[in-house]
């Protein structure tokens, strides 16, 4: 099998570099497309019934209840 010349390898890597850089294009989201990103399904908090079910399972597993909305550390001092 004959060896390829350095020119062939250089051109191969140049084409590979150009193709990879072309695939990394960055574009901004237009203002009229932002409404799709602000959809309710894109929020992290999710469904309220699902959250309540997960908290119930956590309370049953850990043997504790409440303390979700407070800012204290559990010592009673705010």
N, C-alpha and C. Protein backbone atom coordinates (compact mmCIF):
# COMPACT_ATOMS: atom_id res chain seq x y z
N UNK A 1 0.84 -1.17 0.00
CA UNK A 1 0.00 0.00 0.00
C UNK A 1 0.90 1.24 0.00
N UNK A 2 0.74 2.11 -0.97
CA UNK A 2 1.60 3.30 -1.05
C UNK A 2 1.22 4.33 0.01
N UNK A 3 2.22 5.04 0.47
CA UNK A 3 1.99 6.10 1.45
C UNK A 3 1.48 7.34 0.75
N UNK A 4 0.61 8.05 1.44
CA UNK A 4 0.07 9.29 0.87
C UNK A 4 1.02 10.43 1.16
N UNK A 5 1.04 11.35 0.27
CA UNK A 5 1.95 12.49 0.44
C UNK A 5 1.40 13.45 1.50
N UNK A 6 2.27 14.28 2.06
CA UNK A 6 1.82 15.25 3.07
C UNK A 6 0.80 16.24 2.52
N UNK A 7 0.82 16.48 1.22
CA UNK A 7 -0.15 17.41 0.63
C UNK A 7 -1.55 16.84 0.73
N UNK A 8 -1.69 15.53 0.53
CA UNK A 8 -3.00 14.89 0.62
C UNK A 8 -3.53 14.97 2.05
N UNK A 9 -2.66 14.69 3.02
CA UNK A 9 -3.09 14.76 4.42
C UNK A 9 -3.45 16.20 4.81
N UNK A 10 -2.67 17.15 4.35
CA UNK A 10 -2.92 18.55 4.67
C UNK A 10 -4.25 19.00 4.09
N UNK A 11 -4.54 18.61 2.86
CA UNK A 11 -5.82 18.99 2.26
C UNK A 11 -6.98 18.27 2.94
N UNK A 12 -6.77 17.01 3.34
CA UNK A 12 -7.81 16.27 4.04
C UNK A 12 -8.16 16.95 5.36
N UNK A 13 -7.14 17.31 6.14
CA UNK A 13 -7.40 17.97 7.42
C UNK A 13 -7.96 19.37 7.25
N UNK A 14 -7.60 20.05 6.18
CA UNK A 14 -8.17 21.38 5.91
C UNK A 14 -9.67 21.27 5.62
N UNK A 15 -10.04 20.28 4.81
CA UNK A 15 -11.45 20.08 4.51
C UNK A 15 -12.20 19.66 5.77
N UNK A 16 -11.61 18.79 6.56
CA UNK A 16 -12.22 18.35 7.80
C UNK A 16 -12.42 19.53 8.75
N UNK A 17 -11.45 20.40 8.85
CA UNK A 17 -11.54 21.58 9.70
C UNK A 17 -12.65 22.51 9.23
N UNK A 18 -12.73 22.74 7.93
CA UNK A 18 -13.77 23.61 7.39
C UNK A 18 -15.17 23.04 7.62
N UNK A 19 -15.31 21.75 7.44
CA UNK A 19 -16.62 21.13 7.66
C UNK A 19 -17.02 21.20 9.12
N UNK A 20 -16.07 20.95 10.02
CA UNK A 20 -16.39 21.01 11.44
C UNK A 20 -16.71 22.43 11.89
N UNK A 21 -16.01 23.42 11.36
CA UNK A 21 -16.31 24.80 11.71
C UNK A 21 -17.64 25.26 11.13
N UNK A 22 -18.00 24.76 9.98
CA UNK A 22 -19.29 25.12 9.38
C UNK A 22 -20.44 24.53 10.20
N UNK A 23 -20.21 23.41 10.84
CA UNK A 23 -21.25 22.80 11.66
C UNK A 23 -21.42 23.46 13.01
N UNK A 24 -20.51 24.34 13.39
CA UNK A 24 -20.58 25.00 14.69
C UNK A 24 -21.14 26.41 14.58
N UNK A 25 -21.93 26.65 13.59
CA UNK A 25 -22.49 27.99 13.40
C UNK A 25 -23.38 28.39 14.56
N UNK A 26 -23.39 29.65 14.88
CA UNK A 26 -24.20 30.16 15.98
C UNK A 26 -25.12 31.23 15.42
N UNK A 27 -26.38 31.13 15.80
CA UNK A 27 -27.32 32.14 15.36
C UNK A 27 -28.16 32.56 16.55
N UNK A 28 -28.67 33.75 16.51
CA UNK A 28 -29.48 34.27 17.60
C UNK A 28 -30.94 33.91 17.39
N UNK A 29 -31.67 33.81 18.48
CA UNK A 29 -33.09 33.53 18.41
C UNK A 29 -33.82 34.83 18.13
N UNK A 30 -34.65 34.80 17.10
CA UNK A 30 -35.41 36.00 16.75
C UNK A 30 -36.50 36.24 17.80
N UNK A 31 -36.92 37.51 17.96
CA UNK A 31 -37.94 37.81 18.98
C UNK A 31 -39.26 37.05 18.77
N UNK A 32 -39.63 36.80 17.54
CA UNK A 32 -40.89 36.09 17.32
C UNK A 32 -40.76 34.60 17.61
N UNK A 33 -39.56 34.07 17.78
CA UNK A 33 -39.36 32.67 18.13
C UNK A 33 -39.26 32.45 19.63
N UNK A 34 -39.11 33.52 20.40
CA UNK A 34 -38.94 33.38 21.84
C UNK A 34 -40.21 32.93 22.54
N UNK A 35 -41.35 33.13 21.92
CA UNK A 35 -42.59 32.70 22.54
C UNK A 35 -42.64 31.17 22.67
N UNK A 36 -41.98 30.47 21.78
CA UNK A 36 -41.95 29.01 21.86
C UNK A 36 -41.02 28.55 22.98
N UNK A 37 -39.99 29.33 23.27
CA UNK A 37 -39.08 28.97 24.35
C UNK A 37 -39.66 29.28 25.72
N UNK A 38 -40.64 30.19 25.77
CA UNK A 38 -41.26 30.56 27.04
C UNK A 38 -42.53 29.75 27.29
N UNK A 39 -42.67 28.62 26.67
CA UNK A 39 -43.86 27.78 26.83
C UNK A 39 -43.89 27.19 28.24
N UNK A 40 -45.08 26.88 28.74
CA UNK A 40 -45.23 26.33 30.09
C UNK A 40 -44.54 24.99 30.23
N UNK A 41 -44.45 24.25 29.15
CA UNK A 41 -43.82 22.93 29.23
C UNK A 41 -42.30 23.03 29.36
N UNK A 42 -41.72 24.21 29.15
CA UNK A 42 -40.28 24.38 29.23
C UNK A 42 -39.83 24.77 30.64
N UNK A 43 -40.76 24.92 31.58
CA UNK A 43 -40.39 25.30 32.94
C UNK A 43 -39.86 24.11 33.70
N UNK A 44 -39.01 24.37 34.69
CA UNK A 44 -38.42 23.31 35.49
C UNK A 44 -39.36 22.81 36.57
N UNK A 45 -40.30 23.65 37.02
CA UNK A 45 -41.12 23.24 38.15
C UNK A 45 -42.13 22.16 37.79
N UNK A 46 -42.56 22.08 36.57
CA UNK A 46 -43.41 20.98 36.12
C UNK A 46 -44.83 21.04 36.61
N UNK A 47 -45.48 19.90 36.63
CA UNK A 47 -46.88 19.75 36.99
C UNK A 47 -47.03 19.75 38.52
N UNK A 48 -48.04 20.47 39.03
CA UNK A 48 -48.23 20.57 40.47
C UNK A 48 -48.61 19.23 41.09
N UNK A 49 -49.41 18.44 40.39
CA UNK A 49 -49.79 17.13 40.93
C UNK A 49 -48.58 16.19 41.00
N UNK A 50 -47.72 16.28 40.00
CA UNK A 50 -46.52 15.46 40.01
C UNK A 50 -45.58 15.86 41.15
N UNK A 51 -45.46 17.15 41.39
CA UNK A 51 -44.62 17.64 42.49
C UNK A 51 -45.17 17.18 43.83
N UNK A 52 -46.51 17.26 43.99
CA UNK A 52 -47.12 16.81 45.25
C UNK A 52 -46.90 15.32 45.47
N UNK A 53 -46.99 14.52 44.40
CA UNK A 53 -46.76 13.09 44.53
C UNK A 53 -45.31 12.79 44.89
N UNK A 54 -44.36 13.51 44.28
CA UNK A 54 -42.95 13.31 44.61
C UNK A 54 -42.64 13.71 46.05
N UNK A 55 -43.25 14.81 46.53
CA UNK A 55 -43.04 15.23 47.91
C UNK A 55 -43.63 14.21 48.87
N UNK A 56 -44.78 13.62 48.53
CA UNK A 56 -45.39 12.60 49.38
C UNK A 56 -44.48 11.38 49.50
N UNK A 57 -43.91 10.97 48.38
CA UNK A 57 -42.99 9.83 48.41
C UNK A 57 -41.74 10.17 49.22
N UNK A 58 -41.22 11.37 49.06
CA UNK A 58 -40.04 11.79 49.82
C UNK A 58 -40.32 11.84 51.31
N UNK A 59 -41.51 12.39 51.68
CA UNK A 59 -41.86 12.46 53.10
C UNK A 59 -42.02 11.07 53.69
N UNK A 60 -42.59 10.16 52.94
CA UNK A 60 -42.76 8.78 53.44
C UNK A 60 -41.42 8.09 53.58
N UNK A 61 -40.53 8.31 52.64
CA UNK A 61 -39.23 7.64 52.67
C UNK A 61 -38.33 8.20 53.76
N UNK A 62 -38.35 9.53 53.92
CA UNK A 62 -37.45 10.17 54.88
C UNK A 62 -38.02 10.20 56.30
N UNK A 63 -39.33 10.03 56.44
CA UNK A 63 -39.94 10.09 57.75
C UNK A 63 -40.09 11.50 58.28
N UNK A 64 -40.17 12.47 57.38
CA UNK A 64 -40.32 13.87 57.79
C UNK A 64 -41.34 14.53 56.87
N UNK A 65 -41.90 15.63 57.34
CA UNK A 65 -42.90 16.32 56.54
C UNK A 65 -42.67 17.83 56.66
N UNK A 66 -43.03 18.55 55.61
CA UNK A 66 -42.97 20.01 55.63
C UNK A 66 -41.58 20.55 55.42
N UNK A 67 -41.45 21.85 55.65
CA UNK A 67 -40.15 22.49 55.53
C UNK A 67 -39.75 22.84 54.13
N UNK A 68 -40.67 22.79 53.20
CA UNK A 68 -40.32 23.07 51.81
C UNK A 68 -40.21 24.56 51.51
N UNK A 69 -41.08 25.38 52.11
CA UNK A 69 -41.10 26.78 51.74
C UNK A 69 -40.42 27.71 52.71
N UNK A 70 -39.77 27.20 53.72
CA UNK A 70 -39.14 28.06 54.71
C UNK A 70 -37.68 28.32 54.37
N UNK A 71 -37.18 29.41 54.90
CA UNK A 71 -35.79 29.76 54.64
C UNK A 71 -34.86 29.44 55.79
N UNK A 72 -35.38 28.92 56.90
CA UNK A 72 -34.56 28.64 58.05
C UNK A 72 -33.80 27.34 57.89
N UNK A 73 -32.82 27.14 58.70
CA UNK A 73 -32.00 25.94 58.61
C UNK A 73 -32.47 24.80 59.47
N UNK A 74 -33.62 24.94 60.13
CA UNK A 74 -34.14 23.85 60.96
C UNK A 74 -33.87 24.04 62.45
N UNK A 75 -33.12 25.08 62.80
CA UNK A 75 -32.80 25.28 64.22
C UNK A 75 -33.84 26.16 64.90
N UNK A 76 -34.74 26.77 64.14
CA UNK A 76 -35.78 27.62 64.72
C UNK A 76 -35.42 29.08 64.73
N UNK A 77 -34.23 29.43 64.36
CA UNK A 77 -33.82 30.84 64.32
C UNK A 77 -33.91 31.36 62.90
N UNK A 78 -34.63 32.43 62.71
CA UNK A 78 -34.77 33.01 61.37
C UNK A 78 -33.89 34.20 61.21
